[in-house]
Amino acid sequence: MTTEGIEAVFLETHNWGKAAKFFQSLGFELEFSTDHNSGQLRNGDGPYVFIAEVPEDRKPQMQIVLKVPDAEGFRPDPAVEVVTPFEDTHYGTQEMTVRDPDGRLWSLQAPAKN
């Protein structure tokens, strides 16, 4: 089993409102926002963008999330360095972190266990 492409882009920002407005001006629609300065936007059928505000003293990061249909059935090729195996998240999925040959971290996301 392999990934099914890009599920999402996770962005950190210093200003949730400005970041959301930026993406809305590019054609993204707000699907939902939280009560802690974060939310999800989407443009058409493509991957969603989830934006979360972080404190000013923290450098905003970006993470691309790849979709995995089933965590239990996923066996990464030996060429893929697994940093953390699939773990339950607080947002209702399972997530694995892998490292590419240049040292970048990638998030693989699967549905939560039933």
N, C-alpha and C. Protein backbone atom coordinates (compact mmCIF):
# COMPACT_ATOMS: atom_id res chain seq x y z
N MET A 1 0.84 -1.17 0.00
CA MET A 1 0.00 0.00 0.00
C MET A 1 0.89 1.24 0.00
N THR A 2 0.52 2.23 -0.78
CA THR A 2 1.26 3.50 -0.83
C THR A 2 0.34 4.63 -0.38
N THR A 3 0.87 5.84 -0.39
CA THR A 3 0.03 7.00 -0.04
C THR A 3 -0.90 7.30 -1.21
N GLU A 4 -1.90 8.14 -0.94
CA GLU A 4 -2.85 8.54 -1.97
C GLU A 4 -2.69 10.01 -2.33
N GLY A 5 -1.48 10.52 -2.20
CA GLY A 5 -1.20 11.90 -2.57
C GLY A 5 -1.35 12.87 -1.40
N ILE A 6 -1.42 14.13 -1.73
CA ILE A 6 -1.46 15.18 -0.71
C ILE A 6 -2.87 15.33 -0.15
N GLU A 7 -2.97 15.22 1.17
CA GLU A 7 -4.23 15.38 1.89
C GLU A 7 -4.43 16.84 2.29
N ALA A 8 -3.32 17.45 2.76
CA ALA A 8 -3.46 18.79 3.33
C ALA A 8 -2.12 19.50 3.39
N VAL A 9 -2.21 20.80 3.59
CA VAL A 9 -1.04 21.62 3.93
C VAL A 9 -1.35 22.24 5.28
N PHE A 10 -0.47 22.03 6.24
CA PHE A 10 -0.63 22.58 7.58
C PHE A 10 0.31 23.77 7.70
N LEU A 11 -0.25 24.94 7.99
CA LEU A 11 0.54 26.16 8.11
C LEU A 11 0.43 26.75 9.49
N GLU A 12 1.53 27.25 10.00
CA GLU A 12 1.50 28.04 11.23
C GLU A 12 1.64 29.50 10.83
N THR A 13 1.04 30.38 11.61
CA THR A 13 1.04 31.81 11.32
C THR A 13 1.11 32.60 12.61
N HIS A 14 1.50 33.84 12.50
CA HIS A 14 1.45 34.74 13.67
C HIS A 14 0.13 35.49 13.74
N ASN A 15 -0.67 35.42 12.66
CA ASN A 15 -1.95 36.12 12.67
C ASN A 15 -2.98 35.33 11.87
N TRP A 16 -3.80 34.58 12.58
CA TRP A 16 -4.81 33.72 11.96
C TRP A 16 -5.72 34.50 11.03
N GLY A 17 -6.21 35.65 11.48
CA GLY A 17 -7.15 36.44 10.68
C GLY A 17 -6.56 36.89 9.36
N LYS A 18 -5.34 37.41 9.39
CA LYS A 18 -4.69 37.85 8.15
C LYS A 18 -4.39 36.68 7.22
N ALA A 19 -3.96 35.56 7.80
CA ALA A 19 -3.65 34.38 6.97
C ALA A 19 -4.92 33.85 6.32
N ALA A 20 -6.01 33.76 7.07
CA ALA A 20 -7.27 33.27 6.51
C ALA A 20 -7.75 34.20 5.39
N LYS A 21 -7.66 35.50 5.62
CA LYS A 21 -8.09 36.47 4.61
C LYS A 21 -7.24 36.34 3.34
N PHE A 22 -5.93 36.13 3.51
CA PHE A 22 -5.03 35.94 2.37
C PHE A 22 -5.51 34.77 1.50
N PHE A 23 -5.77 33.62 2.14
CA PHE A 23 -6.19 32.46 1.37
C PHE A 23 -7.59 32.63 0.79
N GLN A 24 -8.47 33.30 1.51
CA GLN A 24 -9.80 33.57 0.97
C GLN A 24 -9.71 34.46 -0.26
N SER A 25 -8.78 35.41 -0.26
CA SER A 25 -8.63 36.28 -1.43
C SER A 25 -8.06 35.52 -2.63
N LEU A 26 -7.50 34.34 -2.39
CA LEU A 26 -7.00 33.49 -3.47
C LEU A 26 -8.01 32.43 -3.88
N GLY A 27 -9.24 32.51 -3.35
CA GLY A 27 -10.30 31.61 -3.77
C GLY A 27 -10.60 30.47 -2.82
N PHE A 28 -9.93 30.40 -1.68
CA PHE A 28 -10.23 29.36 -0.69
C PHE A 28 -11.44 29.76 0.13
N GLU A 29 -12.22 28.76 0.50
CA GLU A 29 -13.40 29.01 1.33
C GLU A 29 -13.16 28.43 2.71
N LEU A 30 -13.59 29.18 3.72
CA LEU A 30 -13.45 28.73 5.10
C LEU A 30 -14.44 27.59 5.35
N GLU A 31 -13.92 26.40 5.71
CA GLU A 31 -14.79 25.27 6.05
C GLU A 31 -15.17 25.31 7.52
N PHE A 32 -14.21 25.67 8.37
CA PHE A 32 -14.50 25.86 9.79
C PHE A 32 -13.36 26.60 10.45
N SER A 33 -13.67 27.26 11.55
CA SER A 33 -12.64 27.87 12.38
C SER A 33 -12.87 27.38 13.81
N THR A 34 -11.81 27.42 14.60
CA THR A 34 -11.88 26.98 15.99
C THR A 34 -11.92 28.19 16.90
N ASP A 35 -12.07 27.95 18.18
CA ASP A 35 -12.05 29.06 19.14
C ASP A 35 -10.64 29.34 19.65
N HIS A 36 -9.63 28.73 19.01
CA HIS A 36 -8.24 29.01 19.40
C HIS A 36 -7.38 29.41 18.20
N ASN A 37 -7.93 30.33 17.39
CA ASN A 37 -7.19 30.95 16.28
C ASN A 37 -6.60 29.95 15.29
N SER A 38 -7.46 29.09 14.79
CA SER A 38 -7.06 28.17 13.74
C SER A 38 -8.30 27.81 12.93
N GLY A 39 -8.07 27.21 11.78
CA GLY A 39 -9.19 26.79 10.96
C GLY A 39 -8.75 26.15 9.67
N GLN A 40 -9.75 25.67 8.93
CA GLN A 40 -9.51 24.92 7.71
C GLN A 40 -10.18 25.61 6.53
N LEU A 41 -9.42 25.71 5.43
CA LEU A 41 -9.92 26.30 4.20
C LEU A 41 -9.69 25.33 3.06
N ARG A 42 -10.51 25.45 2.01
CA ARG A 42 -10.36 24.56 0.85
C ARG A 42 -10.72 25.33 -0.41
N ASN A 43 -10.07 24.96 -1.50
CA ASN A 43 -10.35 25.53 -2.81
C ASN A 43 -10.70 24.37 -3.73
N GLY A 44 -11.98 24.20 -4.03
CA GLY A 44 -12.42 23.11 -4.90
C GLY A 44 -12.22 21.75 -4.26
N ASP A 45 -11.82 20.78 -5.08
CA ASP A 45 -11.64 19.40 -4.61
C ASP A 45 -10.22 19.11 -4.15
N GLY A 46 -9.35 20.12 -4.14
CA GLY A 46 -7.96 19.90 -3.79
C GLY A 46 -7.74 19.70 -2.30
N PRO A 47 -6.49 19.54 -1.91
CA PRO A 47 -6.15 19.39 -0.50
C PRO A 47 -6.62 20.60 0.31
N TYR A 48 -6.92 20.36 1.58
CA TYR A 48 -7.31 21.48 2.43
C TYR A 48 -6.06 22.15 3.02
N VAL A 49 -6.23 23.37 3.46
CA VAL A 49 -5.19 24.11 4.16
C VAL A 49 -5.68 24.33 5.58
N PHE A 50 -4.90 23.86 6.55
CA PHE A 50 -5.23 24.09 7.94
C PHE A 50 -4.21 25.08 8.48
N ILE A 51 -4.70 26.17 9.06
CA ILE A 51 -3.84 27.24 9.57
C ILE A 51 -4.02 27.34 11.07
N ALA A 52 -2.90 27.41 11.79
CA ALA A 52 -2.92 27.55 13.25
C ALA A 52 -2.00 28.69 13.67
N GLU A 53 -2.51 29.54 14.52
CA GLU A 53 -1.71 30.67 15.02
C GLU A 53 -0.75 30.18 16.11
N VAL A 54 0.50 30.66 16.03
CA VAL A 54 1.52 30.34 17.03
C VAL A 54 2.04 31.65 17.62
N PRO A 55 2.66 31.59 18.80
CA PRO A 55 3.18 32.81 19.43
C PRO A 55 4.25 33.50 18.57
N GLU A 56 4.39 34.80 18.77
CA GLU A 56 5.35 35.61 18.00
C GLU A 56 6.79 35.13 18.14
N ASP A 57 7.13 34.51 19.27
CA ASP A 57 8.51 34.08 19.49
C ASP A 57 8.82 32.73 18.82
N ARG A 58 7.86 32.17 18.13
CA ARG A 58 8.05 30.89 17.45
C ARG A 58 7.99 31.10 15.94
N LYS A 59 8.95 30.56 15.22
CA LYS A 59 8.98 30.69 13.77
C LYS A 59 7.88 29.83 13.15
N PRO A 60 7.00 30.42 12.32
CA PRO A 60 5.94 29.64 11.68
C PRO A 60 6.53 28.56 10.77
N GLN A 61 5.95 27.38 10.85
CA GLN A 61 6.39 26.24 10.05
C GLN A 61 5.30 25.87 9.05
N MET A 62 5.66 25.00 8.10
CA MET A 62 4.71 24.47 7.13
C MET A 62 4.95 22.97 7.01
N GLN A 63 3.87 22.20 6.91
CA GLN A 63 3.98 20.75 6.80
C GLN A 63 3.01 20.26 5.74
N ILE A 64 3.49 19.44 4.83
CA ILE A 64 2.61 18.81 3.85
C ILE A 64 2.20 17.45 4.41
N VAL A 65 0.91 17.15 4.32
CA VAL A 65 0.36 15.91 4.87
C VAL A 65 -0.04 15.00 3.72
N LEU A 66 0.49 13.78 3.71
CA LEU A 66 0.15 12.79 2.70
C LEU A 66 -0.90 11.84 3.25
N LYS A 67 -1.84 11.45 2.40
CA LYS A 67 -2.96 10.60 2.82
C LYS A 67 -2.60 9.12 2.73
N VAL A 68 -2.93 8.39 3.79
CA VAL A 68 -2.77 6.94 3.82
C VAL A 68 -4.15 6.36 4.13
N PRO A 69 -4.65 5.42 3.31
CA PRO A 69 -6.00 4.93 3.53
C PRO A 69 -6.17 4.06 4.79
N ASP A 70 -5.10 3.37 5.20
CA ASP A 70 -5.20 2.46 6.34
C ASP A 70 -3.85 2.35 7.02
N ALA A 71 -3.74 2.83 8.24
CA ALA A 71 -2.47 2.81 8.97
C ALA A 71 -1.96 1.39 9.19
N GLU A 72 -2.85 0.48 9.51
CA GLU A 72 -2.43 -0.90 9.79
C GLU A 72 -1.91 -1.61 8.55
N GLY A 73 -2.42 -1.26 7.38
CA GLY A 73 -1.99 -1.90 6.15
C GLY A 73 -0.80 -1.23 5.48
N PHE A 74 -0.36 -0.09 5.99
CA PHE A 74 0.73 0.66 5.37
C PHE A 74 2.07 0.13 5.83
N ARG A 75 2.91 -0.25 4.88
CA ARG A 75 4.26 -0.72 5.15
C ARG A 75 5.21 0.12 4.30
N PRO A 76 5.90 1.09 4.91
CA PRO A 76 6.79 1.93 4.10
C PRO A 76 7.96 1.13 3.52
N ASP A 77 8.36 1.51 2.35
CA ASP A 77 9.52 0.92 1.70
C ASP A 77 10.75 1.15 2.59
N PRO A 78 11.74 0.28 2.56
CA PRO A 78 12.94 0.48 3.37
C PRO A 78 13.67 1.80 3.07
N ALA A 79 13.43 2.39 1.90
CA ALA A 79 14.05 3.67 1.57
C ALA A 79 13.45 4.83 2.37
N VAL A 80 12.31 4.59 3.05
CA VAL A 80 11.62 5.62 3.81
C VAL A 80 12.03 5.52 5.28
N GLU A 81 12.64 6.58 5.80
CA GLU A 81 13.03 6.60 7.21
C GLU A 81 11.83 7.00 8.06
N VAL A 82 11.36 6.09 8.89
CA VAL A 82 10.25 6.37 9.80
C VAL A 82 10.82 7.04 11.05
N VAL A 83 10.37 8.26 11.33
CA VAL A 83 10.80 9.00 12.52
C VAL A 83 9.91 8.64 13.69
N THR A 84 8.59 8.66 13.47
CA THR A 84 7.63 8.21 14.49
C THR A 84 6.59 7.33 13.80
N PRO A 85 6.25 6.19 14.39
CA PRO A 85 5.23 5.33 13.80
C PRO A 85 3.84 5.97 13.95
N PHE A 86 2.85 5.34 13.35
CA PHE A 86 1.49 5.87 13.46
C PHE A 86 1.08 5.96 14.93
N GLU A 87 0.57 7.13 15.29
CA GLU A 87 0.06 7.40 16.64
C GLU A 87 -1.26 8.12 16.51
N ASP A 88 -2.13 7.92 17.49
CA ASP A 88 -3.40 8.65 17.52
C ASP A 88 -3.12 10.14 17.75
N THR A 89 -3.92 10.98 17.09
CA THR A 89 -3.81 12.43 17.27
C THR A 89 -5.00 12.95 18.06
N HIS A 90 -4.90 14.18 18.54
CA HIS A 90 -6.01 14.79 19.26
C HIS A 90 -7.12 15.25 18.31
N TYR A 91 -6.87 15.21 17.00
CA TYR A 91 -7.87 15.64 16.03
C TYR A 91 -8.49 14.47 15.27
N GLY A 92 -8.41 13.26 15.83
CA GLY A 92 -9.18 12.15 15.31
C GLY A 92 -8.59 11.38 14.14
N THR A 93 -7.28 11.38 14.00
CA THR A 93 -6.63 10.60 12.95
C THR A 93 -5.46 9.83 13.57
N GLN A 94 -4.74 9.13 12.72
CA GLN A 94 -3.46 8.54 13.10
C GLN A 94 -2.41 9.19 12.23
N GLU A 95 -1.23 9.45 12.81
CA GLU A 95 -0.21 10.18 12.07
C GLU A 95 1.16 9.53 12.25
N MET A 96 1.89 9.42 11.14
CA MET A 96 3.26 8.92 11.12
C MET A 96 4.13 10.04 10.58
N THR A 97 5.35 10.14 11.07
CA THR A 97 6.30 11.12 10.54
C THR A 97 7.46 10.37 9.89
N VAL A 98 7.80 10.78 8.67
CA VAL A 98 8.92 10.19 7.94
C VAL A 98 9.87 11.31 7.51
N ARG A 99 11.12 10.91 7.21
CA ARG A 99 12.13 11.89 6.78
C ARG A 99 12.58 11.56 5.37
N ASP A 100 12.65 12.59 4.51
CA ASP A 100 13.11 12.36 3.14
C ASP A 100 14.65 12.42 3.12
N PRO A 101 15.27 12.09 1.98
CA PRO A 101 16.74 12.05 1.91
C PRO A 101 17.42 13.39 2.20
N ASP A 102 16.70 14.51 2.08
CA ASP A 102 17.27 15.82 2.36
C ASP A 102 17.01 16.29 3.78
N GLY A 103 16.38 15.44 4.60
CA GLY A 103 16.16 15.77 6.00
C GLY A 103 14.83 16.41 6.32
N ARG A 104 13.98 16.64 5.31
CA ARG A 104 12.66 17.23 5.57
C ARG A 104 11.74 16.19 6.19
N LEU A 105 10.90 16.65 7.12
CA LEU A 105 9.92 15.77 7.75
C LEU A 105 8.60 15.86 6.98
N TRP A 106 7.95 14.71 6.82
CA TRP A 106 6.67 14.60 6.15
C TRP A 106 5.69 13.91 7.09
N SER A 107 4.46 14.35 7.05
CA SER A 107 3.40 13.76 7.87
C SER A 107 2.55 12.86 6.99
N LEU A 108 2.31 11.63 7.44
CA LEU A 108 1.40 10.70 6.78
C LEU A 108 0.20 10.54 7.69
N GLN A 109 -0.98 10.75 7.15
CA GLN A 109 -2.18 10.76 7.97
C GLN A 109 -3.16 9.70 7.50
N ALA A 110 -3.69 8.93 8.46
CA ALA A 110 -4.65 7.87 8.17
C ALA A 110 -5.87 8.07 9.06
N PRO A 111 -6.99 7.47 8.67
CA PRO A 111 -8.17 7.55 9.53
C PRO A 111 -7.89 6.91 10.90
N ALA A 112 -8.62 7.34 11.90
CA ALA A 112 -8.48 6.77 13.23
C ALA A 112 -8.90 5.31 13.21
N LYS A 113 -8.38 4.54 14.17
CA LYS A 113 -8.79 3.14 14.30
C LYS A 113 -10.28 3.07 14.62
N ASN A 114 -10.94 2.07 14.11
CA ASN A 114 -12.36 1.90 14.41
C ASN A 114 -12.56 1.21 15.72
